[in-house]
Protein backbone atom coordinates (compact mmCIF):
# COMPACT_ATOMS: atom_id res chain seq x y z
CA MET A 1 261.05 -3.85 17.64
CA ILE A 2 263.40 -1.82 15.18
CA LYS A 3 264.38 -3.67 11.96
CA VAL A 4 267.09 -2.64 10.14
CA ARG A 5 268.50 -3.77 6.93
CA THR A 6 271.12 -2.50 5.20
CA ASP A 7 272.38 -3.24 1.91
CA GLY A 8 275.57 -2.25 0.85
CA LEU A 9 277.96 -2.34 -2.45
CA GLU A 10 279.64 -5.95 -2.29
CA ASN A 11 282.49 -4.82 -3.84
CA ALA A 12 285.13 -2.05 -2.63
CA TYR A 13 284.12 0.99 -4.69
CA GLU A 14 282.04 2.89 -3.08
CA ASP A 15 280.96 5.09 -5.64
CA ILE A 16 278.95 2.54 -7.38
CA ARG A 17 277.53 1.19 -4.79
CA PRO A 18 273.66 1.28 -4.57
CA LEU A 19 272.09 1.71 -0.92
CA PHE A 20 268.97 1.07 0.51
CA PHE A 21 267.67 1.00 3.95
CA GLU A 22 264.38 -0.07 5.44
CA PHE A 23 263.08 0.49 9.03
CA GLU A 24 260.42 0.20 11.15
CA VAL A 25 259.18 2.19 14.08
CA LEU A 26 256.41 2.41 16.41
CA GLU A 27 253.94 5.28 16.60
CA ASP A 28 253.80 5.88 20.12
CA VAL A 29 257.61 6.17 20.37
CA ARG A 30 259.23 9.60 21.50
CA LEU A 31 260.54 12.41 19.95
CA GLY A 32 264.03 12.32 18.68
CA TYR A 33 264.23 8.21 19.29
CA ILE A 34 266.70 6.95 16.71
CA VAL A 35 264.74 4.69 14.34
CA GLY A 36 267.96 3.48 12.63
CA SER A 37 271.16 4.67 11.25
CA VAL A 38 272.52 5.05 7.43
CA ALA A 39 276.42 5.48 8.35
CA LEU A 40 278.43 4.03 5.70
CA GLU A 41 281.27 1.96 7.12
CA GLY A 42 284.72 2.48 6.72
CA ASN A 43 285.08 5.92 6.80
CA SER A 44 283.47 8.37 9.47
CA ASN A 45 284.00 11.37 7.37
CA TRP A 46 280.99 10.84 5.60
CA LYS A 47 278.49 13.98 6.30
CA TYR A 48 274.86 13.11 5.74
CA HIS A 49 271.74 15.20 5.12
CA SER A 50 268.35 15.02 3.64
CA VAL A 51 266.87 16.20 0.77
CA SER A 52 263.52 17.59 0.65
CA SER A 53 260.75 15.32 1.10
CA GLU A 54 257.64 14.86 2.93
CA GLY A 55 259.53 12.36 5.44
CA ASN A 56 261.24 15.75 6.56
CA ASP A 57 258.23 16.43 8.50
CA TYR A 58 258.78 13.42 10.15
CA PHE A 59 262.54 12.63 10.62
CA ASP A 60 265.71 14.32 10.85
CA VAL A 61 269.30 12.71 10.05
CA ASP A 62 272.25 13.07 11.80
CA SER A 63 274.79 14.77 10.28
CA THR A 64 277.86 12.94 11.55
CA ASN A 65 276.72 9.75 12.25
CA GLY A 66 273.38 9.10 9.85
CA ASP A 67 271.44 8.07 12.68
CA ILE A 68 267.85 8.79 11.33
CA MET A 69 265.54 10.08 14.43
CA THR A 70 262.14 10.82 14.97
CA LYS A 71 261.39 14.63 14.60
CA SER A 72 257.43 15.25 15.41
CA LYS A 73 254.99 12.87 16.69
CA LEU A 74 254.11 10.12 14.69
CA ASP A 75 250.58 8.65 14.11
CA TYR A 76 249.67 5.94 12.15
CA GLU A 77 246.56 6.67 11.40
CA LEU A 78 247.54 9.75 9.22
CA VAL A 79 250.65 8.37 7.63
CA HIS A 80 251.64 4.50 7.31
CA ASP A 81 255.19 5.23 6.08
CA VAL A 82 257.98 7.32 4.81
CA ILE A 83 260.35 7.33 2.11
CA LEU A 84 263.66 9.60 2.76
CA GLU A 85 266.01 10.32 0.60
CA ILE A 86 269.45 10.95 2.05
CA ILE A 87 272.79 12.06 0.56
CA ALA A 88 276.09 11.24 2.37
CA SER A 89 279.24 13.12 1.26
CA LYS A 90 282.90 13.65 2.01
CA SER A 91 285.92 15.30 0.54
CA GLY A 92 288.45 13.27 -1.41
CA GLN A 93 291.76 14.07 -2.54
CA HIS A 94 290.66 15.17 -5.82
CA SER A 95 287.03 16.03 -5.61
CA ASN A 96 283.69 15.41 -3.25
CA VAL A 97 282.30 11.94 -3.59
CA GLU A 98 278.58 11.77 -2.47
CA ARG A 99 276.48 8.70 -2.12
CA SER A 100 272.37 8.67 -2.51
CA ILE A 101 270.64 6.32 0.48
CA SER A 102 267.16 5.53 -0.18
CA VAL A 103 265.40 5.01 3.36
CA TYR A 104 261.81 3.39 3.87
CA VAL A 105 260.42 3.73 7.31
CA ARG A 106 257.39 1.63 7.99
CA ILE A 107 255.12 3.33 10.93
CA VAL A 108 253.67 0.01 13.03
CA ASP A 109 250.28 0.76 14.48
CA VAL A 110 249.94 0.73 18.26
CA ASN A 111 246.22 0.64 20.05
CA ASP A 112 246.96 4.56 21.05
CA ASN A 113 242.51 5.65 19.88
CA ARG A 114 239.67 4.82 21.76
CA PRO A 115 236.68 4.10 19.93
CA GLU A 116 234.61 7.18 19.36
CA PHE A 117 230.99 8.12 18.71
CA ALA A 118 229.77 10.70 17.25
CA GLU A 119 227.89 12.33 19.79
CA ASN A 120 227.89 11.99 23.46
CA THR A 121 224.28 11.66 23.76
CA THR A 122 221.86 10.06 21.54
CA TRP A 123 217.67 9.23 21.63
CA MET A 124 215.40 6.75 20.57
CA VAL A 125 211.88 6.12 20.02
CA ILE A 126 209.91 2.75 20.47
CA LYS A 127 205.80 2.08 20.29
CA GLU A 128 205.36 0.56 23.97
CA ASN A 129 203.62 -2.77 23.69
CA SER A 130 206.41 -3.64 20.81
CA ALA A 131 207.12 -7.11 20.15
CA ILE A 132 210.42 -8.67 21.27
CA GLY A 133 212.93 -8.33 18.89
CA THR A 134 211.36 -5.40 17.48
CA PHE A 135 214.37 -2.86 16.08
CA ILE A 136 214.99 0.09 18.35
CA GLY A 137 218.19 2.06 16.91
CA GLN A 138 221.41 1.24 16.18
CA VAL A 139 224.99 2.85 17.73
CA SER A 140 228.23 2.99 16.09
CA ALA A 141 231.48 4.14 17.22
CA GLU A 142 234.89 4.34 15.29
CA ASP A 143 238.53 3.43 16.12
CA LYS A 144 241.09 4.62 14.23
CA ASP A 145 243.44 2.05 14.93
CA SER A 146 243.87 -0.32 12.61
CA GLY A 147 243.32 -4.09 12.54
CA ASP A 148 242.60 -5.94 15.20
CA TYR A 149 243.09 -2.72 17.30
CA GLY A 150 240.03 -0.96 15.44
CA THR A 151 237.68 -4.10 16.01
CA ILE A 152 234.81 -2.91 18.22
CA ASP A 153 231.97 -4.69 20.79
CA TYR A 154 229.23 -3.01 22.05
CA ALA A 155 227.50 -3.48 25.84
CA LEU A 156 224.66 -2.13 27.38
CA VAL A 157 225.10 -0.54 30.77
CA SER A 158 222.85 0.11 33.43
CA ALA A 159 220.04 -0.50 30.94
CA PRO A 160 216.74 -2.13 31.58
CA SER A 161 216.43 -5.76 31.03
CA ALA A 162 213.54 -4.67 28.18
CA VAL A 163 216.20 -3.73 25.82
CA ARG A 164 219.41 -5.95 24.40
CA ILE A 165 222.15 -4.97 22.02
CA ASP A 166 223.91 -6.80 19.37
CA GLN A 167 227.54 -6.93 20.66
CA LYS A 168 229.31 -6.47 17.03
CA SER A 169 226.72 -4.58 15.26
CA GLY A 170 225.53 -2.48 18.14
CA ILE A 171 221.88 -2.64 17.09
CA ILE A 172 219.40 -2.32 20.00
CA THR A 173 216.22 -4.66 20.14
CA VAL A 174 213.40 -5.24 22.46
CA ALA A 175 213.80 -8.20 25.30
CA GLY A 176 211.29 -7.53 27.40
CA SER A 177 207.68 -5.66 27.99
CA ILE A 178 207.74 -2.02 26.96
CA ASP A 179 204.68 -0.03 28.87
CA ARG A 180 204.77 3.50 28.67
CA GLU A 181 202.82 3.87 32.01
CA LYS A 182 205.68 2.25 34.05
CA GLU A 183 208.15 3.75 32.20
CA SER A 184 208.14 6.53 29.64
CA VAL A 185 211.50 7.21 29.02
CA TYR A 186 214.81 4.85 29.75
CA HIS A 187 218.25 6.40 30.69
CA PHE A 188 221.19 3.97 30.04
CA LYS A 189 224.37 3.95 27.98
CA VAL A 190 226.18 1.65 25.70
CA ARG A 191 230.03 1.37 26.01
CA ALA A 192 232.33 0.30 22.87
CA THR A 193 235.34 -1.48 23.61
CA ASP A 194 238.04 -2.29 21.29
CA VAL A 195 240.62 -4.94 21.17
CA GLY A 196 243.29 -3.79 23.29
CA GLY A 197 240.88 -2.50 26.08
CA LEU A 198 239.97 1.04 25.12
CA SER A 199 236.72 2.12 25.55
CA SER A 200 233.71 4.68 25.75
CA GLU A 201 230.66 5.48 26.08
CA ILE A 202 227.56 7.24 24.61
CA GLU A 203 224.17 7.93 26.57
CA VAL A 204 220.86 6.78 25.14
CA LEU A 205 217.93 8.10 25.97
CA LEU A 206 214.77 5.70 24.83
CA PHE A 207 211.51 7.32 24.79
CA VAL A 208 208.21 4.83 24.84
CA ALA A 209 205.82 6.42 22.21
CA ASP A 210 201.99 5.80 23.52
CA LYS A 211 199.78 3.40 22.40
CA ASN A 212 196.14 3.78 23.19
CA ASP A 213 195.67 0.91 25.43
CA ASN A 214 193.85 2.73 28.32
CA VAL A 215 190.15 3.75 28.94
CA PRO A 216 189.85 7.54 29.79
CA ARG A 217 187.92 7.99 33.38
CA PHE A 218 186.30 10.60 35.10
CA GLU A 219 187.95 12.11 38.16
CA LEU A 220 184.34 11.41 40.12
CA GLU A 221 182.08 8.52 39.04
CA SER A 222 178.93 11.31 39.05
CA TYR A 223 178.38 15.28 39.61
CA SER A 224 176.01 17.40 40.65
CA THR A 225 175.47 21.06 40.71
CA GLU A 226 172.87 23.67 41.30
CA ILE A 227 172.23 26.55 39.44
CA PRO A 228 169.01 28.83 39.48
CA GLU A 229 166.81 29.13 36.84
CA ASN A 230 167.18 32.27 35.78
CA VAL A 231 170.73 31.87 34.72
CA ASN A 232 171.98 33.44 31.79
CA VAL A 233 172.74 31.20 28.50
CA GLY A 234 176.35 30.76 28.39
CA THR A 235 176.72 30.43 31.91
CA LYS A 236 179.72 28.02 32.84
CA LEU A 237 178.65 25.24 35.56
CA LEU A 238 181.51 22.98 35.72
CA THR A 239 184.66 21.62 34.07
CA LEU A 240 184.71 17.54 33.78
CA ASN A 241 188.41 16.36 34.32
CA VAL A 242 189.56 12.93 32.58
CA VAL A 243 192.37 11.06 33.55
CA ASP A 244 194.13 9.02 30.70
CA GLU A 245 196.97 7.01 31.35
CA ASP A 246 197.93 7.30 27.68
CA SER A 247 199.52 10.34 26.61
CA ASP A 248 198.79 10.45 22.89
CA TYR A 249 194.86 11.16 23.64
CA ASP A 250 192.95 13.76 21.93
CA PHE A 251 189.48 14.08 24.19
CA SER A 252 185.81 14.78 22.59
CA PHE A 253 182.80 15.45 24.99
CA GLU A 254 179.30 14.91 24.21
CA ILE A 255 176.02 15.05 26.30
CA ASP A 256 173.61 12.31 25.20
CA ARG A 257 170.42 13.62 24.03
CA ARG A 258 168.43 11.41 25.86
CA GLY A 259 167.78 13.82 29.06
CA ASN A 260 168.77 16.72 27.15
CA GLU A 261 166.24 16.61 24.46
CA ARG A 262 165.58 20.33 24.52
CA ARG A 263 169.47 20.82 24.36
CA LEU A 264 169.50 23.03 27.64
CA PHE A 265 173.31 21.83 28.00
CA ALA A 266 176.28 21.59 26.19
CA ILE A 267 179.79 21.19 26.56
CA ASP A 268 183.11 21.91 24.67
CA GLN A 269 186.26 19.93 24.28
CA ASP A 270 187.85 21.01 27.25
CA GLY A 271 185.09 19.33 29.23
CA ILE A 272 183.39 22.42 30.26
CA VAL A 273 179.79 22.44 30.63
CA TYR A 274 177.54 24.98 30.40
CA VAL A 275 173.86 26.44 29.74
CA ALA A 276 172.84 26.41 26.11
CA ALA A 277 168.87 27.38 26.38
CA PRO A 278 167.08 28.98 28.96
CA LEU A 279 166.04 27.04 31.64
CA ASP A 280 162.44 26.95 33.48
CA ARG A 281 162.40 25.29 37.16
CA GLU A 282 158.47 24.53 36.75
CA TYR A 283 159.10 22.54 33.43
CA ASN A 284 161.93 20.44 34.68
CA ALA A 285 163.78 20.92 37.90
CA LYS A 286 166.01 18.15 37.96
CA HIS A 287 167.90 17.34 34.93
CA SER A 288 169.96 13.87 34.49
CA LEU A 289 172.99 14.32 31.87
CA ARG A 290 175.06 11.50 30.80
CA ILE A 291 178.70 12.53 29.26
CA ILE A 292 180.35 11.07 27.23
CA VAL A 293 183.84 11.10 26.82
CA THR A 294 186.51 9.59 23.83
CA ASP A 295 189.90 9.49 23.82
CA GLN A 296 190.88 9.26 19.84
CA LYS A 297 188.99 9.79 16.42
CA PRO A 298 188.73 6.77 14.05
CA PRO A 299 190.48 5.34 12.57
CA HIS A 300 192.76 5.16 15.20
CA LYS A 301 191.58 2.75 18.42
CA VAL A 302 188.93 4.45 20.47
CA PHE A 303 188.08 4.10 24.06
CA SER A 304 185.37 5.70 25.93
CA ALA A 305 183.88 6.45 29.31
CA SER A 306 180.87 7.90 30.44
CA THR A 307 179.56 9.83 33.96
CA THR A 308 176.18 11.45 35.22
CA LEU A 309 175.79 14.95 35.68
CA SER A 310 172.73 15.82 38.11
CA VAL A 311 171.55 19.49 37.52
CA ILE A 312 169.54 20.99 39.93
CA VAL A 313 167.47 23.92 39.23
CA THR A 314 166.56 26.27 41.98
CA ASP A 315 163.77 28.53 42.20
CA VAL A 316 163.53 31.67 41.64
CA ASN A 317 160.34 34.06 42.40
CA ASP A 318 159.02 34.18 38.47
CA ASN A 319 155.62 33.01 38.64
CA ALA A 320 152.97 34.88 40.19
CA PRO A 321 149.83 33.12 42.14
CA LYS A 322 147.04 32.37 39.92
CA PHE A 323 143.21 31.50 41.20
CA THR A 324 141.81 28.31 40.11
CA SER A 325 138.18 28.74 42.73
CA PRO A 326 135.24 29.69 41.48
CA SER A 327 134.28 33.51 41.61
CA THR A 328 130.65 33.09 42.78
CA PHE A 329 129.56 31.78 46.10
CA PHE A 330 126.20 31.42 47.67
CA VAL A 331 125.32 31.78 51.36
CA PHE A 332 121.88 31.94 53.36
CA GLU A 333 121.17 34.94 55.25
CA GLU A 334 120.86 34.47 58.78
CA VAL A 335 123.75 31.85 59.41
CA PRO A 336 125.68 32.33 62.38
CA LEU A 337 129.52 33.81 62.89
CA GLY A 338 131.97 32.01 61.03
CA THR A 339 130.06 30.19 58.54
CA LEU A 340 132.31 28.63 55.97
CA VAL A 341 130.95 30.25 52.64
CA GLY A 342 133.18 29.10 50.00
CA ILE A 343 137.24 28.73 49.26
CA VAL A 344 139.56 30.57 47.46
CA ASN A 345 142.42 28.59 46.11
CA ALA A 346 145.41 29.99 44.06
CA VAL A 347 148.29 27.78 43.01
CA ASP A 348 151.83 29.38 42.25
CA ALA A 349 154.26 27.28 39.92
CA ASP A 350 157.30 28.16 42.07
CA PHE A 351 158.95 26.25 44.96
CA GLY A 352 159.30 26.47 48.57
CA ASN A 353 158.78 30.15 49.89
CA ASN A 354 158.22 31.12 46.74
CA ALA A 355 154.77 28.93 46.18
CA GLN A 356 153.73 29.54 49.68
CA LEU A 357 150.62 31.87 49.72
CA GLN A 358 148.50 34.29 51.89
CA TYR A 359 145.16 35.57 51.19
CA ARG A 360 143.44 38.90 52.43
CA VAL A 361 140.36 40.59 51.55
CA LEU A 362 141.33 43.80 49.78
CA PRO A 363 139.79 46.51 52.50
CA ALA A 364 138.71 48.54 49.95
CA SER A 365 136.47 46.40 48.13
CA HIS A 366 134.70 45.60 51.57
CA PRO A 367 134.95 47.85 54.10
CA GLU A 368 132.34 46.42 56.26
CA ALA A 369 134.17 43.59 56.88
CA ILE A 370 130.74 41.13 56.70
CA PHE A 371 133.04 38.37 55.21
CA ILE A 372 136.78 37.54 55.85
CA VAL A 373 139.19 35.33 54.35
CA ASP A 374 141.82 32.78 56.22
CA PRO A 375 145.17 33.91 55.13
CA VAL A 376 146.47 30.17 54.91
CA PHE A 377 143.65 28.19 53.94
CA GLY A 378 141.69 30.98 52.12
CA TYR A 379 138.69 29.80 53.79
CA ILE A 380 135.88 32.60 53.56
CA GLN A 381 133.64 32.94 56.49
CA VAL A 382 131.11 35.10 57.99
CA ASN A 383 131.87 37.61 60.19
CA GLY A 384 128.36 39.61 60.38
CA ARG A 385 124.58 39.67 60.36
CA LEU A 386 123.30 38.59 56.82
CA ASP A 387 119.93 39.92 55.76
CA ARG A 388 118.63 39.28 52.42
CA GLU A 389 116.29 41.81 53.00
CA LYS A 390 118.96 44.54 53.42
CA ARG A 391 121.15 43.63 50.75
CA SER A 392 121.42 40.39 48.73
CA VAL A 393 125.47 40.71 47.08
CA TYR A 394 128.24 41.33 48.35
CA HIS A 395 131.63 41.79 45.34
CA LEU A 396 134.96 41.38 47.08
CA THR A 397 138.53 41.61 46.02
CA ILE A 398 140.65 39.05 47.42
CA ASP A 399 144.67 39.05 47.16
CA ALA A 400 147.15 36.28 46.96
CA THR A 401 150.64 37.54 47.84
CA ASP A 402 153.63 34.38 47.80
CA ARG A 403 156.50 34.86 50.11
CA GLY A 404 159.30 35.23 47.67
CA SER A 405 161.50 38.17 47.88
CA PRO A 406 160.36 40.16 45.54
CA SER A 407 156.83 38.77 46.49
CA LEU A 408 154.02 38.60 43.57
CA THR A 409 150.60 39.35 43.85
CA SER A 410 147.53 38.24 42.00
CA SER A 411 143.89 39.42 42.51
CA THR A 412 140.38 37.79 42.22
CA ASN A 413 136.72 39.37 42.08
CA ILE A 414 134.34 37.42 43.67
CA THR A 415 130.81 37.60 44.47
CA ILE A 416 128.69 36.32 47.49
CA VAL A 417 124.73 36.01 46.86
CA LEU A 418 122.73 35.65 49.89
CA LEU A 419 120.20 33.28 49.65
CA ASP A 420 116.77 33.61 51.14
CA ILE A 421 115.62 31.52 54.17
CA ASP A 422 111.85 31.31 54.77
CA ASP A 423 111.16 33.75 57.78
CA ASN A 424 108.04 34.74 57.08
CA GLU A 425 104.82 32.54 57.90
CA SER A 426 103.82 30.51 55.25
CA ILE A 427 99.64 30.67 55.10
CA LEU A 428 97.90 26.86 53.95
CA ASN A 429 94.34 26.45 53.39
CA GLU A 430 92.36 25.07 56.75
CA VAL A 431 90.62 22.04 54.80
CA TYR A 432 90.96 20.57 51.20
CA TYR A 433 88.39 18.39 49.66
CA GLY A 434 88.81 15.66 46.97
CA LYS A 435 86.76 12.71 45.06
CA ILE A 436 88.34 10.10 43.02
CA ALA A 437 86.77 7.20 41.44
CA GLU A 438 88.25 3.87 43.13
CA ASN A 439 89.52 2.62 39.53
CA SER A 440 91.26 5.21 38.88
CA PRO A 441 94.65 4.52 37.69
CA ILE A 442 98.04 5.20 39.79
CA GLY A 443 99.40 8.65 39.56
CA GLN A 444 95.46 9.93 39.02
CA HIS A 445 95.49 13.79 40.59
CA VAL A 446 93.28 13.91 43.48
CA VAL A 447 93.78 17.59 44.88
CA HIS A 448 96.20 20.41 45.00
CA VAL A 449 97.25 21.82 48.53
CA THR A 450 98.39 25.53 48.09
CA PHE A 451 99.81 28.07 50.51
CA GLU A 452 100.87 31.62 50.05
CA ASP A 453 104.25 33.06 51.14
CA VAL A 454 105.65 36.76 51.12
CA ASP A 455 109.50 35.33 51.27
CA GLU A 456 111.45 34.65 47.79
CA VAL A 457 109.46 32.30 45.31
CA GLU A 458 112.57 30.19 44.79
CA ASN A 459 112.73 29.91 48.86
CA SER A 460 108.82 28.95 48.98
CA ALA A 461 109.43 25.84 47.32
CA LYS A 462 108.48 23.76 50.54
CA ILE A 463 108.62 20.54 51.96
CA PHE A 464 105.24 18.80 52.18
CA ALA A 465 104.76 15.43 53.79
CA ILE A 466 101.29 13.18 54.51
CA GLU A 467 101.53 13.25 58.35
CA SER A 468 98.63 10.90 59.32
CA GLY A 469 95.20 9.56 57.40
CA ASP A 470 97.12 7.05 55.18
CA PRO A 471 98.13 3.89 57.13
CA ASP A 472 98.23 2.04 53.84
CA ASN A 473 99.97 4.92 51.58
CA ASP A 474 96.65 4.70 49.32
CA PHE A 475 97.77 8.17 48.42
CA ARG A 476 101.29 10.29 47.68
CA ILE A 477 102.27 13.63 47.81
CA SER A 478 104.98 15.67 45.82
CA THR A 479 107.16 16.87 48.63
CA ARG A 480 107.85 20.12 46.50
CA SER A 481 104.70 20.92 44.51
CA GLY A 482 101.85 19.59 47.27
CA LEU A 483 100.07 17.51 44.48
CA ILE A 484 98.41 14.41 45.89
CA VAL A 485 98.29 11.69 43.74
CA VAL A 486 96.73 8.01 43.67
CA ASN A 487 99.73 5.59 45.31
CA LYS A 488 97.70 2.61 45.25
CA HIS A 489 94.65 0.86 43.75
CA LEU A 490 91.51 1.84 45.40
CA ASP A 491 89.02 0.25 46.80
CA ALA A 492 85.57 2.09 47.66
CA GLU A 493 84.09 -0.92 49.62
CA TYR A 494 87.54 -1.50 51.72
CA ARG A 495 87.36 2.57 52.15
CA SER A 496 85.50 5.23 50.99
CA VAL A 497 86.88 8.18 52.71
CA TYR A 498 90.21 9.48 53.76
CA ASN A 499 90.96 12.32 56.35
CA LEU A 500 94.48 12.85 55.88
CA SER A 501 96.82 15.59 57.98
CA ILE A 502 99.46 17.40 55.80
CA SER A 503 102.47 19.24 56.66
CA MET A 504 104.86 21.88 54.95
CA ARG A 505 107.86 23.19 56.14
CA CYS A 506 110.58 25.34 54.74
CA SER A 507 113.36 23.10 55.48
CA VAL A 508 114.93 19.79 57.32
CA ASP A 509 114.68 22.17 60.70
CA SER A 510 112.17 24.47 60.09
CA LYS A 511 108.94 24.80 61.95
CA LYS A 512 105.79 22.83 60.21
CA GLN A 513 102.58 23.99 59.29
CA PHE A 514 99.26 21.69 59.17
CA THR A 515 96.51 21.54 56.92
CA ARG A 516 93.56 18.80 56.39
CA VAL A 517 92.79 16.96 53.45
CA GLN A 518 89.62 14.51 53.04
CA ILE A 519 89.10 12.60 49.59
CA GLU A 520 86.04 10.58 49.17
CA VAL A 521 86.58 7.24 46.94
CA ILE A 522 83.41 6.93 44.40
CA ASP A 523 82.48 3.55 44.27
CA VAL A 524 82.07 2.03 40.81
CA ASN A 525 79.75 -0.97 40.06
CA ASP A 526 82.99 -3.53 39.98
CA GLU A 527 81.70 -6.34 42.20
CA ARG A 528 79.35 -9.38 41.47
CA PRO A 529 76.46 -10.23 43.79
CA ARG A 530 77.83 -13.43 45.37
CA PHE A 531 75.17 -16.35 46.90
CA LYS A 532 75.98 -17.22 50.52
CA GLU A 533 75.09 -20.95 49.81
CA GLY A 534 77.37 -21.15 47.04
CA ASP A 535 77.38 -21.44 43.54
CA HIS A 536 74.76 -24.67 43.91
CA LEU A 537 71.26 -24.69 45.69
CA VAL A 538 68.92 -28.04 46.73
CA PHE A 539 65.66 -28.00 47.57
CA ALA A 540 63.53 -31.02 48.48
CA VAL A 541 60.04 -31.34 48.16
CA ALA A 542 57.28 -34.16 48.71
CA GLU A 543 55.49 -35.55 45.50
CA ASN A 544 51.81 -35.28 45.24
CA LEU A 545 52.16 -31.67 47.27
CA ARG A 546 48.67 -29.80 47.30
CA GLY A 547 48.34 -26.37 47.28
CA PRO A 548 47.75 -23.68 47.28
CA TYR A 549 50.15 -22.17 44.95
CA PRO A 550 52.63 -20.87 44.89
CA ILE A 551 54.19 -22.92 47.70
CA VAL A 552 57.77 -22.22 49.34
CA LEU A 553 60.06 -24.70 48.39
CA GLY A 554 62.99 -22.59 50.11
CA SER A 555 64.90 -19.35 50.00
CA THR A 556 68.49 -17.71 49.37
CA ILE A 557 70.18 -14.47 49.97
CA ALA A 558 73.01 -12.86 47.82
CA GLU A 559 75.47 -9.89 48.85
CA ASP A 560 76.74 -7.20 46.65
CA ARG A 561 79.85 -5.21 48.32
CA ASP A 562 79.27 -2.50 45.71
CA GLN A 563 77.72 0.66 47.31
CA ASP A 564 74.23 2.41 47.03
CA GLN A 565 72.60 1.62 44.11
CA ASN A 566 75.31 -1.26 42.81
CA GLY A 567 74.83 -2.83 45.60
CA THR A 568 70.54 -3.28 44.85
CA ILE A 569 70.31 -7.04 43.92
CA SER A 570 66.97 -8.63 41.87
CA TYR A 571 66.41 -12.60 42.04
CA ALA A 572 65.14 -14.38 38.75
CA ILE A 573 64.88 -17.85 37.93
CA VAL A 574 67.05 -18.09 34.26
CA GLN A 575 67.14 -22.31 34.09
CA VAL A 576 64.98 -24.88 35.40
CA SER A 577 66.27 -28.59 35.82
CA LEU A 578 64.20 -31.99 37.57
CA TYR A 579 66.16 -34.77 38.69
CA ILE A 580 64.52 -37.12 40.46
């Protein structure tokens, strides 16, 4: 709609009438659009032209009819109104007549501009687990239109339920759960719409900042690896991979000192476990390590996890056998072939084949092969005739070799001493005599049985025994020395002579030799005479008995068990008592 107000003169004098026109025109009219006319009435001879002004850039005036037309595109957002100065002129009878016309053109706004964002894409950041209502960010669009046409409403397009936007301010806030482990980036748009329905959109990238709310975990609950004991320090064992659903982590690894007291193993911050000190399987063949990982460092919230790593140290043949058996053995001469002399034993600190040993007699040390050794058990056995009278000592070198690759060997020197056996006759004296008083104490020496033997003195320590003649064991003989001593209290009155048969042999299985021993028990006056009738004798006699005197009243007999003079008895009356 165009409003035209024409103010002309009220009277008929054209030369003094002030002219003022006011028009309104929509900003979106076409070029050449007639805004209005400033034609003067009553005479068509007027000519119109505009005086130089800024309005000339937008409008032209028709020189013949005074129509004002658009010259260029109007834009309310650039120019709200324009003032034109127009001169109307005509030729008179005597001179030219000019009139000045002022024209005010008001440009009316039209909703011809969409809301515009400063950029096509924007990004924002929000921490996960933020509370509902937490401010995320704000979008803002501009609309060059004025009035209601410049009023903008905001709305979300294809947005998650976890966010909302204020319709008027464009402030975006948290509306639900934000979990980075479920969604790390949200893609959505915000639409800005003016009252006239024109709109534009901006793409929003909402990045979810991680919060340390998840515990790290190792890929496996436990790990196991094998490594030879001679591995170089610094050798990598394996890499422990850790999974953490959080993104903002700073892993730190450590090995618990329990199980790693000697600090044989270490771990770097990339989770690589490596050998930190020389290993020795013989000291420890299996190491159980507890490895701990933390995902942050204080003062941040810290979560940790642990796993176990079993390190099996495999054996390397790095230990030679060590002999633990004695170096000297003894064996009797003349023992049969195959007789066990002794056992050589060696130990190997290695494991498996590296610790399995084989024994052998070094041929150069014992070419006659009188002795052999079992290669597995180390038994030393007789392999030929042993005669001490020809050779009494043998010296051998025995090797122990393990089955490692390469194998290791140790040697030991042993000595075998032959023991003499009684293979020569012992000569006993034919008869031994001894005397002993019957009151002699127990242990009193009686007689010493001796012999002659051409064998080694050590082997002449024979075994003596009383074979017969002493059923009550009144005597005993030393089994080694042949000394006979009193074993019980003797009684010459009970037995005064013993005839003993004595045997001697070199060993349990050897032949016995015999001799005789006669022992006389000498009597000691140790028995009192005893009356056969007892301690009281009673004799009856008639009174007034007449002689001749002495008259025999009766008799008594006493006995003494002692022998010879010790058993001779004499009688005497020592006291007389008369009874009526």
